[in-house]
Amino acid sequence: MEVDPRLLDAVVGIGADLDLNSTLDRIVTAACELAGARYGALGVVGPDGKRLVRFITHGVTDDEIAAIGPYPEGHGILGLLIEHPEPIRMHDLAEHPRSYGFPANHPPMKSFLGVPIRTREHAFGNLYLTEKTGGADFTEDDERTVTALAAAAGVVIDNARLYADTEQRRHWHEVTAEITQLMLGEFDADQALQLIARRAREVAGAQVAAVLLADADELVVRAVDGRDTFAKYVGRRIPSNVPVLGRVSSGSGEQVVIEDLAQILKDAGGLTEFPEGATLARTTLASLPPGNSGTGGVLAVAAEQGANTRSAEGAELVRMFAGQATLALERAQAQRDRDLLAVLEDRDRIARDLHDLVIQRLFATGLQLQGMHRLVAPEHQQRLTRAVEEIDTTIHELRAAIFELQQPPAAASLRADIQTLVAEYAEPLGFRPQLTCTGPIDTVVPATVRPQILATIREALSNIVRHAQASQADVEVIAGPNQLVTRITDNGIGIGPSSRRSGLRNLTDRARALGGTVQVTDNHPQGTIVELTAPMA
């Protein structure tokens, strides 16, 4: 039997290059030319083997496609070829029992020829041809010719897919080297995550990729790469109670592919708005293992609606990118820990120098001045006394600074909170109260005690502002081995017995809540002393 030279030309033509997208276009065009069909399409069957995930057309304009609406998914006669991958010829599509009808704005189609395409004994998709030239039916020769073309197309498609896989993995190795190079130096975690999202999207050939990190009961979008309209979602919080997200973000190492993540998020109330006309179709979700950083999350890579399914087929690559994201978070955490350790070591050195050198010299100087006190004239003794007191105050302030240096930079500081509170009262009092903090109050005072100490100081200073008419006030906080003493002293007009009883009420309640006591006594020669004592346990 003589082979149609047009078939040979078509077989050579469809293998002209190894780009899968252009190869599929050439196959549809060649099939239409060989069979004399006005319209043709190639439907790619999805991984589930039940529906079409891509539809390449010939003979229909872009405007007509837009007017028709979404591509078919494999219902009716198109589904018949998926269920039974054997060639089919029909005189009139509408007469077949499985006819599903046509959507609005669809061009009329009558005669039909359908042929399956296989790659290595696996169903890749189907060729659909309609409307043979001149209104005739497709013939047995047409069926044989298109079947032969489909057999050759299966080999070409398989080669194109192998080439695409090879190129994808080559690209993966290139971007892996790029990401590794970034993480070898100083880098910002968000910068690394943004690079990983960008390269994951490029390698997968997807429309958008995003990295979401777990934060309590939510997922926070830390990086997004895709069209500009997606950028606004960086920082957005999404409830992790969305079943599929919660499962993947738990650090289980799970990976899933879902059809439309956007709709799932909308239904769960986690995403009430979305770019016009955009969907998160065929989204691969890869779990980010918590690792040493303790932060789990999700890498999401979403294809365009009706796009090539390489993102699903390259799911293993998405998993690799998720591993890179976990590594980036661990490296960033290690970098922060190293920087913090350097800061703490430097602070320890400064604290030692202050204690061993500066404080000791000041203390020696104070002793020398005290020794000179009885040797100078009476009119100079008062000046020496003030100088010794100033040195003593300076030593207390240096010791307070040493305790602050021994605190981690991000740790809550009771000493700093007291300093801020005292500074707030400088304006209403007309002078700045003298603050003295003794002992490691930031390290030994329990967190449950701190709010009560601040409230006691605030109430005492407020009373001085309203009633005392004072020109001087002192705040002392002393952390001893077993108890904490908070003392506020002023040189005002004092308070009478009745005022003392009413003023004691709130302070007594606070002391009782801490298991301690409070005393309000007269200061000499004038003023008031408020002293709260609380156990450290």
Protein backbone atom coordinates (compact mmCIF):
# COMPACT_ATOMS: atom_id res chain seq x y z
CA MET A 1 0.00 0.00 0.00
CA GLU A 2 1.37 3.38 -1.03
CA VAL A 3 1.88 5.89 1.76
CA ASP A 4 0.32 9.32 1.27
CA PRO A 5 3.26 11.74 0.78
CA ARG A 6 1.24 14.36 2.65
CA LEU A 7 1.34 12.11 5.73
CA LEU A 8 5.12 11.80 5.47
CA ASP A 9 5.44 15.56 5.16
CA ALA A 10 3.12 16.01 8.17
CA VAL A 11 5.15 13.56 10.30
CA VAL A 12 8.36 15.37 9.42
CA GLY A 13 6.69 18.72 10.05
CA ILE A 14 5.33 17.95 13.53
CA GLY A 15 8.82 16.92 14.66
CA ALA A 16 10.46 20.12 13.46
CA ASP A 17 11.43 21.15 17.00
CA LEU A 18 11.14 19.89 20.54
CA ASP A 19 8.99 22.63 22.06
CA LEU A 20 5.88 20.88 23.36
CA ASN A 21 3.48 23.80 22.88
CA SER A 22 4.36 24.40 19.23
CA THR A 23 4.42 20.64 18.62
CA LEU A 24 0.81 20.29 19.78
CA ASP A 25 -0.26 23.21 17.56
CA ARG A 26 1.41 21.61 14.53
CA ILE A 27 -0.24 18.25 15.20
CA VAL A 28 -3.74 19.78 15.19
CA THR A 29 -3.02 21.78 12.05
CA ALA A 30 -1.54 18.77 10.24
CA ALA A 31 -4.53 16.57 11.17
CA CYS A 32 -6.98 19.16 9.80
CA GLU A 33 -5.04 19.47 6.53
CA LEU A 34 -4.73 15.69 6.04
CA ALA A 35 -8.44 14.99 6.71
CA GLY A 36 -9.78 18.16 5.10
CA ALA A 37 -11.40 19.34 8.37
CA ARG A 38 -12.42 22.95 8.94
CA TYR A 39 -12.12 22.68 12.74
CA GLY A 40 -9.76 20.65 14.86
CA ALA A 41 -8.71 20.33 18.48
CA LEU A 42 -6.32 18.36 20.65
CA GLY A 43 -7.51 17.63 24.17
CA VAL A 44 -4.90 16.68 26.78
CA VAL A 45 -6.15 14.21 29.37
CA GLY A 46 -5.31 15.04 32.98
CA PRO A 47 -3.44 12.81 35.46
CA ASP A 48 -6.74 11.41 36.73
CA GLY A 49 -7.48 10.00 33.26
CA LYS A 50 -11.05 11.33 33.40
CA ARG A 51 -11.06 14.92 32.21
CA LEU A 52 -9.35 17.28 29.83
CA VAL A 53 -6.91 19.74 31.36
CA ARG A 54 -5.83 21.45 28.13
CA PHE A 55 -7.51 22.14 24.81
CA ILE A 56 -5.60 23.28 21.67
CA THR A 57 -7.82 24.44 18.80
CA HIS A 58 -7.53 25.11 15.06
CA GLY A 59 -9.98 27.02 12.86
CA VAL A 60 -11.56 29.04 15.68
CA THR A 61 -10.50 32.65 16.22
CA ASP A 62 -9.55 34.11 19.59
CA ASP A 63 -12.69 36.26 19.58
CA GLU A 64 -14.87 33.20 18.95
CA ILE A 65 -13.10 31.31 21.76
CA ALA A 66 -13.69 34.22 24.15
CA ALA A 67 -17.40 34.33 23.18
CA ILE A 68 -17.85 30.58 23.67
CA GLY A 69 -16.45 30.60 27.20
CA PRO A 70 -14.41 28.00 29.13
CA TYR A 71 -12.79 25.13 27.27
CA PRO A 72 -14.56 21.76 27.44
CA GLU A 73 -13.48 19.33 30.16
CA GLY A 74 -14.47 16.06 28.52
CA HIS A 75 -18.24 15.67 28.77
CA GLY A 76 -20.42 14.04 26.14
CA ILE A 77 -18.75 12.70 23.01
CA LEU A 78 -15.38 14.13 24.01
CA GLY A 79 -15.59 12.04 27.16
CA LEU A 80 -16.50 8.97 25.13
CA LEU A 81 -13.01 8.97 23.59
CA ILE A 82 -11.47 9.35 27.05
CA GLU A 83 -13.41 6.35 28.35
CA HIS A 84 -12.90 4.24 25.21
CA PRO A 85 -9.74 5.39 23.39
CA GLU A 86 -10.69 4.06 19.96
CA PRO A 87 -11.19 6.00 16.67
CA ILE A 88 -14.75 7.29 16.14
CA ARG A 89 -16.42 8.60 12.97
CA MET A 90 -19.88 10.20 12.94
CA HIS A 91 -22.16 11.63 10.30
CA ASP A 92 -23.84 14.03 12.74
CA LEU A 93 -22.66 14.79 16.27
CA ALA A 94 -26.16 15.75 17.41
CA GLU A 95 -27.54 12.26 16.60
CA HIS A 96 -25.25 10.43 19.02
CA PRO A 97 -26.78 9.51 22.43
CA ARG A 98 -23.79 10.99 24.24
CA SER A 99 -24.14 14.33 22.49
CA TYR A 100 -23.80 17.08 25.09
CA GLY A 101 -24.83 19.94 22.80
CA PHE A 102 -22.92 23.13 22.11
CA PRO A 103 -22.64 26.27 24.25
CA ALA A 104 -23.89 29.63 23.01
CA ASN A 105 -21.83 31.29 20.24
CA HIS A 106 -20.30 27.92 19.26
CA PRO A 107 -19.97 27.46 15.45
CA PRO A 108 -22.15 24.70 13.96
CA MET A 109 -20.43 21.31 13.67
CA LYS A 110 -21.82 18.13 12.15
CA SER A 111 -19.40 15.49 10.82
CA PHE A 112 -16.87 14.22 13.33
CA LEU A 113 -13.67 12.17 13.53
CA GLY A 114 -11.98 11.39 16.84
CA VAL A 115 -8.63 9.61 17.26
CA PRO A 116 -6.71 8.92 20.51
CA ILE A 117 -3.02 9.82 20.96
CA ARG A 118 -0.89 7.49 23.08
CA THR A 119 2.60 7.93 24.48
CA ARG A 120 4.28 4.74 25.68
CA GLU A 121 0.93 2.97 26.03
CA HIS A 122 -0.46 5.82 28.14
CA ALA A 123 -3.33 8.00 26.93
CA PHE A 124 -1.99 11.51 26.34
CA GLY A 125 -5.07 12.97 24.70
CA ASN A 126 -7.35 12.91 21.68
CA LEU A 127 -7.60 14.54 18.27
CA TYR A 128 -11.08 15.91 17.44
CA LEU A 129 -11.85 16.90 13.85
CA THR A 130 -15.19 18.30 12.58
CA GLU A 131 -16.80 19.77 9.45
CA LYS A 132 -15.07 17.98 6.54
CA THR A 133 -14.66 20.13 3.46
CA GLY A 134 -17.71 20.21 1.20
CA GLY A 135 -20.06 18.96 3.90
CA ALA A 136 -19.06 15.32 3.34
CA ASP A 137 -18.44 12.69 5.99
CA PHE A 138 -14.97 11.66 7.12
CA THR A 139 -13.89 8.49 5.32
CA GLU A 140 -12.12 5.33 6.40
CA ASP A 141 -8.99 6.63 4.64
CA ASP A 142 -9.22 9.81 6.71
CA GLU A 143 -9.43 7.68 9.84
CA ARG A 144 -6.37 5.59 8.86
CA THR A 145 -4.38 8.67 7.93
CA VAL A 146 -5.15 10.57 11.14
CA THR A 147 -4.57 7.40 13.21
CA ALA A 148 -1.13 7.05 11.62
CA LEU A 149 -0.46 10.73 12.31
CA ALA A 150 -1.56 10.22 15.93
CA ALA A 151 0.88 7.30 16.31
CA ALA A 152 3.75 9.44 15.03
CA ALA A 153 2.52 12.35 17.17
CA GLY A 154 2.75 10.15 20.26
CA VAL A 155 6.46 9.59 19.64
CA VAL A 156 7.07 13.29 18.92
CA ILE A 157 5.13 14.34 22.03
CA ASP A 158 7.05 11.87 24.16
CA ASN A 159 10.36 13.24 22.86
CA ALA A 160 9.19 16.79 23.45
CA ARG A 161 8.14 15.96 27.01
CA LEU A 162 11.46 14.27 27.72
CA TYR A 163 13.25 17.31 26.36
CA ALA A 164 11.06 19.61 28.47
CA ASP A 165 11.82 17.50 31.55
CA THR A 166 15.54 17.69 30.81
CA GLU A 167 15.39 21.46 30.31
CA GLN A 168 13.35 21.84 33.46
CA ARG A 169 15.87 19.92 35.51
CA ARG A 170 18.74 21.85 33.94
CA HIS A 171 16.98 25.06 34.89
CA TRP A 172 16.39 23.62 38.38
CA HIS A 173 20.13 22.99 38.85
CA GLU A 174 20.90 26.53 37.70
CA VAL A 175 18.47 28.15 40.10
CA THR A 176 19.58 25.81 42.90
CA ALA A 177 23.10 27.11 42.44
CA GLU A 178 21.75 30.68 42.43
CA ILE A 179 19.76 30.17 45.65
CA THR A 180 22.68 28.37 47.32
CA GLN A 181 25.03 31.20 46.36
CA LEU A 182 22.64 33.71 47.94
CA MET A 183 22.44 31.73 51.18
CA LEU A 184 26.23 31.41 51.46
CA GLY A 185 26.48 35.13 52.25
CA GLU A 186 24.56 37.60 54.36
CA PHE A 187 20.92 37.63 53.23
CA ASP A 188 17.45 38.60 54.32
CA ALA A 189 14.92 35.76 54.75
CA ASP A 190 12.22 37.60 52.78
CA GLN A 191 14.71 38.23 49.97
CA ALA A 192 15.51 34.50 49.77
CA LEU A 193 11.83 33.48 49.90
CA GLN A 194 11.00 35.95 47.12
CA LEU A 195 13.77 34.48 44.95
CA ILE A 196 12.55 30.93 45.65
CA ALA A 197 8.96 31.90 44.73
CA ARG A 198 10.14 33.53 41.49
CA ARG A 199 12.30 30.60 40.40
CA ALA A 200 9.65 28.03 41.38
CA ARG A 201 7.13 29.82 39.17
CA GLU A 202 9.58 30.03 36.26
CA VAL A 203 10.72 26.41 36.43
CA ALA A 204 7.13 25.14 36.80
CA GLY A 205 5.87 27.41 34.01
CA ALA A 206 3.12 28.63 36.35
CA GLN A 207 1.20 31.90 36.63
CA VAL A 208 1.95 32.50 40.31
CA ALA A 209 3.96 31.03 43.18
CA ALA A 210 3.72 31.96 46.85
CA VAL A 211 5.39 31.07 50.15
CA LEU A 212 3.08 31.02 53.20
CA LEU A 213 4.49 30.58 56.71
CA ALA A 214 2.60 29.33 59.75
CA ASP A 215 1.96 31.85 62.53
CA ALA A 216 -0.20 30.47 65.35
CA ASP A 217 -3.55 29.55 63.74
CA GLU A 218 -2.91 31.47 60.53
CA LEU A 219 -0.75 31.38 57.43
CA VAL A 220 1.06 34.57 56.48
CA VAL A 221 1.88 35.24 52.81
CA ARG A 222 5.60 36.08 52.95
CA ALA A 223 6.47 36.07 49.24
CA VAL A 224 4.52 36.12 45.96
CA ASP A 225 5.75 36.06 42.37
CA GLY A 226 3.45 36.48 39.38
CA ARG A 227 1.46 39.25 37.77
CA ASP A 228 1.54 42.63 39.52
CA THR A 229 -2.01 42.21 40.86
CA PHE A 230 -0.79 39.44 43.17
CA ALA A 231 1.81 41.63 44.93
CA LYS A 232 -0.80 43.13 47.27
CA TYR A 233 -1.27 39.75 48.96
CA VAL A 234 2.17 39.86 50.63
CA GLY A 235 1.53 40.07 54.37
CA ARG A 236 -2.05 38.81 54.02
CA ARG A 237 -3.17 36.40 56.75
CA ILE A 238 -5.20 33.33 55.82
CA PRO A 239 -6.89 31.03 58.36
CA SER A 240 -5.09 27.69 58.51
CA ASN A 241 -8.42 26.01 59.29
CA VAL A 242 -8.90 25.67 55.52
CA PRO A 243 -8.65 21.85 55.50
CA VAL A 244 -6.17 21.38 52.69
CA LEU A 245 -3.94 24.26 53.86
CA GLY A 246 -3.97 23.18 57.48
CA ARG A 247 -3.01 19.64 56.54
CA VAL A 248 -0.15 20.64 54.26
CA SER A 249 1.18 23.43 56.52
CA SER A 250 1.40 21.12 59.55
CA GLY A 251 4.89 20.08 58.51
CA SER A 252 3.84 16.56 57.56
CA GLY A 253 5.81 16.68 54.32
CA GLU A 254 2.57 16.16 52.38
CA GLN A 255 2.09 17.42 48.84
CA VAL A 256 -1.25 17.77 47.05
CA VAL A 257 -2.56 19.10 43.74
CA ILE A 258 -5.96 20.82 43.77
CA GLU A 259 -8.02 22.28 40.97
CA ASP A 260 -8.92 25.79 42.17
CA LEU A 261 -7.33 27.01 45.40
CA ALA A 262 -8.87 30.48 44.97
CA GLN A 263 -12.39 29.09 45.24
CA ILE A 264 -11.48 27.04 48.31
CA LEU A 265 -10.06 30.15 50.00
CA LYS A 266 -13.14 32.19 49.10
CA ASP A 267 -15.46 29.53 50.47
CA ALA A 268 -13.48 29.48 53.73
CA GLY A 269 -13.50 33.27 54.04
CA GLY A 270 -9.72 33.46 53.74
CA LEU A 271 -9.71 35.31 50.41
CA THR A 272 -12.71 37.47 49.62
CA GLU A 273 -11.12 39.26 46.68
CA PHE A 274 -9.05 38.07 43.77
CA PRO A 275 -7.67 39.59 40.54
CA GLU A 276 -10.36 39.86 37.89
CA GLY A 277 -10.51 36.79 35.68
CA ALA A 278 -7.72 34.99 37.54
CA THR A 279 -7.93 31.55 39.11
CA LEU A 280 -5.51 29.37 41.03
CA ALA A 281 -6.01 26.36 38.76
CA ARG A 282 -4.13 23.11 39.30
CA THR A 283 -2.24 24.36 42.32
CA THR A 284 0.56 22.24 43.73
CA LEU A 285 0.87 22.66 47.51
CA ALA A 286 4.13 21.44 49.03
CA SER A 287 4.69 21.35 52.78
CA LEU A 288 7.62 23.26 54.28
CA PRO A 289 8.99 21.04 57.07
CA PRO A 290 9.49 23.05 60.30
CA GLY A 291 13.20 22.18 60.54
CA ASN A 292 15.33 23.72 63.30
CA SER A 293 13.65 27.11 62.86
CA GLY A 294 10.34 25.61 64.02
CA THR A 295 8.44 27.45 61.27
CA GLY A 296 6.23 25.33 59.01
CA GLY A 297 4.41 26.53 55.95
CA VAL A 298 3.37 25.94 52.35
CA LEU A 299 4.84 26.57 48.92
CA ALA A 300 1.97 27.02 46.43
CA VAL A 301 2.54 26.93 42.64
CA ALA A 302 -0.53 27.61 40.47
CA ALA A 303 -0.92 27.17 36.71
CA GLU A 304 -3.05 29.28 34.38
CA GLN A 305 -6.54 27.97 33.64
CA GLY A 306 -6.18 25.63 30.67
CA ALA A 307 -2.39 25.95 30.62
CA ASN A 308 0.13 23.18 30.15
CA THR A 309 0.11 20.85 33.15
CA ARG A 310 3.87 20.97 33.69
CA SER A 311 3.34 22.29 37.25
CA ALA A 312 1.55 19.06 38.18
CA GLU A 313 4.04 16.87 36.35
CA GLY A 314 6.91 18.76 37.99
CA ALA A 315 5.48 18.31 41.47
CA GLU A 316 8.73 16.78 42.65
CA LEU A 317 10.54 19.97 41.65
CA VAL A 318 8.05 21.98 43.69
CA ARG A 319 8.87 19.75 46.67
CA MET A 320 12.56 20.51 46.12
CA PHE A 321 11.85 24.24 46.14
CA ALA A 322 9.92 23.78 49.39
CA GLY A 323 13.03 22.18 50.84
CA GLN A 324 15.07 25.19 49.69
CA ALA A 325 12.61 27.51 51.44
CA THR A 326 12.99 25.54 54.68
CA LEU A 327 16.78 25.70 54.35
CA ALA A 328 16.61 29.46 53.76
CA LEU A 329 14.56 29.96 56.93
CA GLU A 330 16.99 27.84 58.96
CA ARG A 331 20.01 29.73 57.57
CA ALA A 332 18.32 33.08 58.27
CA GLN A 333 17.57 31.98 61.85
CA ALA A 334 21.14 30.78 62.34
CA GLN A 335 22.37 34.11 60.98
CA ARG A 336 20.16 36.02 63.44
CA ASP A 337 21.32 33.81 66.32
CA ARG A 338 24.94 34.40 65.37
CA ASP A 339 24.44 38.17 65.19
CA LEU A 340 22.64 38.14 68.55
CA LEU A 341 25.45 36.11 70.11
CA ALA A 342 28.00 38.63 68.81
CA VAL A 343 25.97 41.49 70.32
CA LEU A 344 25.65 39.71 73.68
CA GLU A 345 29.36 38.90 73.77
CA ASP A 346 30.19 42.53 73.05
CA ARG A 347 27.77 43.66 75.74
CA ASP A 348 29.33 41.26 78.25
CA ARG A 349 32.76 42.70 77.48
CA ILE A 350 31.49 46.26 77.94
CA ALA A 351 29.72 45.30 81.19
CA ARG A 352 32.92 43.71 82.56
CA ASP A 353 34.95 46.78 81.65
CA LEU A 354 32.42 49.08 83.29
CA HIS A 355 32.32 46.99 86.45
CA ASP A 356 36.01 46.16 86.78
CA LEU A 357 37.47 49.48 85.65
CA VAL A 358 35.06 52.41 85.67
CA ILE A 359 33.00 51.60 88.78
CA GLN A 360 36.08 50.64 90.80
CA ARG A 361 37.82 53.91 89.90
CA LEU A 362 34.73 55.94 90.76
CA PHE A 363 34.40 54.07 94.06
CA ALA A 364 38.07 54.77 94.88
CA THR A 365 37.63 58.42 93.99
CA GLY A 366 34.57 58.64 96.25
CA LEU A 367 36.53 57.12 99.15
CA GLN A 368 39.34 59.62 98.62
CA LEU A 369 36.87 62.52 98.68
CA GLN A 370 35.25 61.17 101.83
CA GLY A 371 38.67 60.95 103.43
CA MET A 372 39.33 64.59 102.60
CA HIS A 373 36.02 65.68 104.17
CA ARG A 374 37.44 66.37 107.64
CA LEU A 375 40.60 67.97 106.24
CA VAL A 376 38.93 70.86 104.42
CA ALA A 377 37.29 74.00 105.67
CA PRO A 378 33.62 73.72 106.73
CA GLU A 379 32.47 75.84 103.79
CA HIS A 380 33.93 73.23 101.38
CA GLN A 381 32.65 70.13 103.19
CA GLN A 382 29.14 70.50 101.78
CA ARG A 383 30.52 70.63 98.24
CA LEU A 384 32.55 67.47 98.87
CA THR A 385 29.45 65.75 100.25
CA ARG A 386 27.50 66.63 97.09
CA ALA A 387 30.36 65.36 94.92
CA VAL A 388 30.41 62.02 96.79
CA GLU A 389 26.64 61.72 96.40
CA GLU A 390 26.92 62.42 92.67
CA ILE A 391 29.58 59.71 92.36
CA ASP A 392 27.33 57.30 94.27
CA THR A 393 24.43 58.11 91.95
CA THR A 394 26.68 57.60 88.93
CA ILE A 395 27.75 54.19 90.25
CA HIS A 396 24.08 53.19 90.65
CA GLU A 397 23.33 54.34 87.09
CA LEU A 398 26.31 52.43 85.72
CA ARG A 399 25.19 49.29 87.52
CA ALA A 400 21.71 49.76 86.04
CA ALA A 401 23.30 50.09 82.59
CA ILE A 402 25.30 46.90 83.19
CA PHE A 403 22.11 44.98 84.04
CA GLU A 404 20.48 46.31 80.85
CA LEU A 405 23.48 45.23 78.77
CA GLN A 406 23.05 41.68 80.04
CA GLN A 407 19.49 41.53 78.64
CA PRO A 408 18.85 40.16 75.12
CA PRO A 409 18.04 43.04 72.71
CA ALA A 410 14.46 41.91 72.08
CA ALA A 411 13.67 40.92 75.67
CA ALA A 412 11.09 42.85 77.70
CA SER A 413 12.85 45.11 80.21
CA LEU A 414 11.18 46.15 83.46
CA ARG A 415 14.00 48.61 84.05
CA ALA A 416 13.33 50.28 80.69
CA ASP A 417 9.57 50.34 81.35
CA ILE A 418 10.14 52.06 84.73
CA GLN A 419 12.49 54.60 83.13
CA THR A 420 9.88 55.40 80.49
CA LEU A 421 7.14 55.72 83.12
CA VAL A 422 9.21 58.04 85.33
CA ALA A 423 10.14 60.17 82.30
CA GLU A 424 6.41 60.61 81.48
CA TYR A 425 5.91 62.42 84.82
CA ALA A 426 8.71 64.95 84.34
CA GLU A 427 6.38 67.44 82.63
CA PRO A 428 3.33 67.24 84.98
CA LEU A 429 5.63 67.37 88.06
CA GLY A 430 7.77 70.20 86.73
CA PHE A 431 10.93 68.21 87.47
CA ARG A 432 12.31 64.78 86.67
CA PRO A 433 12.07 62.26 89.52
CA GLN A 434 15.32 60.61 90.58
CA LEU A 435 15.28 56.91 89.66
CA THR A 436 17.45 54.27 91.32
CA CYS A 437 17.26 50.61 90.32
CA THR A 438 19.29 48.16 92.37
CA GLY A 439 19.82 44.52 91.56
CA PRO A 440 18.99 42.41 88.50
CA ILE A 441 15.35 43.45 88.27
CA ASP A 442 15.06 42.39 84.62
CA THR A 443 16.12 38.81 85.32
CA VAL A 444 14.66 37.96 88.73
CA VAL A 445 11.33 39.81 88.85
CA PRO A 446 8.52 37.46 87.68
CA ALA A 447 6.41 38.57 84.74
CA THR A 448 3.25 38.45 86.90
CA VAL A 449 4.73 41.00 89.32
CA ARG A 450 5.86 43.57 86.76
CA PRO A 451 2.45 45.11 85.91
CA GLN A 452 1.70 45.66 89.61
CA ILE A 453 5.06 47.38 90.20
CA LEU A 454 4.46 49.74 87.28
CA ALA A 455 0.91 50.45 88.46
CA THR A 456 2.18 51.23 92.00
CA ILE A 457 4.76 53.71 90.68
CA ARG A 458 2.21 55.33 88.40
CA GLU A 459 -0.35 55.74 91.21
CA ALA A 460 2.21 57.15 93.64
CA LEU A 461 3.55 59.67 91.11
CA SER A 462 0.00 60.68 90.16
CA ASN A 463 -0.75 61.38 93.83
CA ILE A 464 2.38 63.56 94.05
CA VAL A 465 1.20 65.52 90.99
CA ARG A 466 -2.30 66.06 92.42
CA HIS A 467 -1.67 66.58 96.12
CA ALA A 468 1.95 66.80 97.29
CA GLN A 469 3.13 70.19 95.94
CA ALA A 470 6.60 68.63 95.94
CA SER A 471 9.82 69.89 94.37
CA GLN A 472 11.63 66.55 94.55
CA ALA A 473 10.67 62.90 94.18
CA ASP A 474 12.70 59.69 94.27
CA VAL A 475 11.74 56.28 92.87
CA GLU A 476 13.70 53.26 94.13
CA VAL A 477 13.29 49.68 92.96
CA ILE A 478 15.44 47.19 94.84
CA ALA A 479 15.60 43.51 93.83
CA GLY A 480 16.92 41.54 96.78
CA PRO A 481 17.47 37.80 97.14
CA ASN A 482 13.92 37.08 98.35
CA GLN A 483 11.86 40.22 97.90
CA LEU A 484 11.32 43.25 95.72
CA VAL A 485 10.99 46.67 97.32
CA THR A 486 9.43 49.60 95.45
CA ARG A 487 9.79 52.93 97.27
CA ILE A 488 8.50 56.34 96.12
CA THR A 489 9.53 59.36 98.23
CA ASP A 490 8.63 63.05 97.92
CA ASN A 491 9.28 66.27 99.88
CA GLY A 492 5.74 67.64 99.61
CA ILE A 493 3.20 68.62 102.23
CA GLY A 494 2.40 65.07 103.24
CA ILE A 495 -1.04 63.49 103.65
CA GLY A 496 -3.33 63.33 106.66
CA PRO A 497 -4.68 60.17 108.29
CA SER A 498 -7.97 60.22 106.32
CA SER A 499 -6.23 60.70 103.00
CA ARG A 500 -3.78 58.00 103.96
CA ARG A 501 -6.57 55.48 104.46
CA SER A 502 -8.22 56.22 101.08
CA GLY A 503 -4.90 56.36 99.26
CA LEU A 504 -3.84 53.03 100.72
CA ARG A 505 -6.85 51.15 99.36
CA ASN A 506 -5.64 50.53 95.78
CA LEU A 507 -2.04 50.02 96.86
CA THR A 508 -3.11 47.53 99.53
CA ASP A 509 -5.10 45.58 96.96
CA ARG A 510 -2.06 45.42 94.67
CA ALA A 511 0.21 44.31 97.51
CA ARG A 512 -2.27 41.64 98.58
CA ALA A 513 -2.46 40.33 95.01
CA LEU A 514 1.32 39.87 95.11
CA GLY A 515 1.34 38.36 98.60
CA GLY A 516 3.18 41.42 99.94
CA THR A 517 2.60 44.54 102.03
CA VAL A 518 2.42 48.29 101.51
CA GLN A 519 3.26 51.12 103.92
CA VAL A 520 2.62 54.87 103.64
CA THR A 521 4.70 56.85 106.14
CA ASP A 522 5.91 60.42 106.69
CA ASN A 523 9.18 61.51 105.19
CA HIS A 524 11.52 63.70 107.27
CA PRO A 525 11.66 66.60 107.42
CA GLN A 526 8.58 66.64 105.15
CA GLY A 527 6.78 64.64 102.52
CA THR A 528 5.57 61.05 102.12
CA ILE A 529 7.11 57.61 101.62
CA VAL A 530 5.15 54.89 99.81
CA GLU A 531 6.81 51.48 100.06
CA LEU A 532 5.53 48.23 98.54
CA THR A 533 7.27 44.98 99.43
CA ALA A 534 6.56 41.81 97.46
CA PRO A 535 8.08 38.31 97.56
CA MET A 536 10.04 37.19 94.50
CA ALA A 537 8.56 33.69 94.38
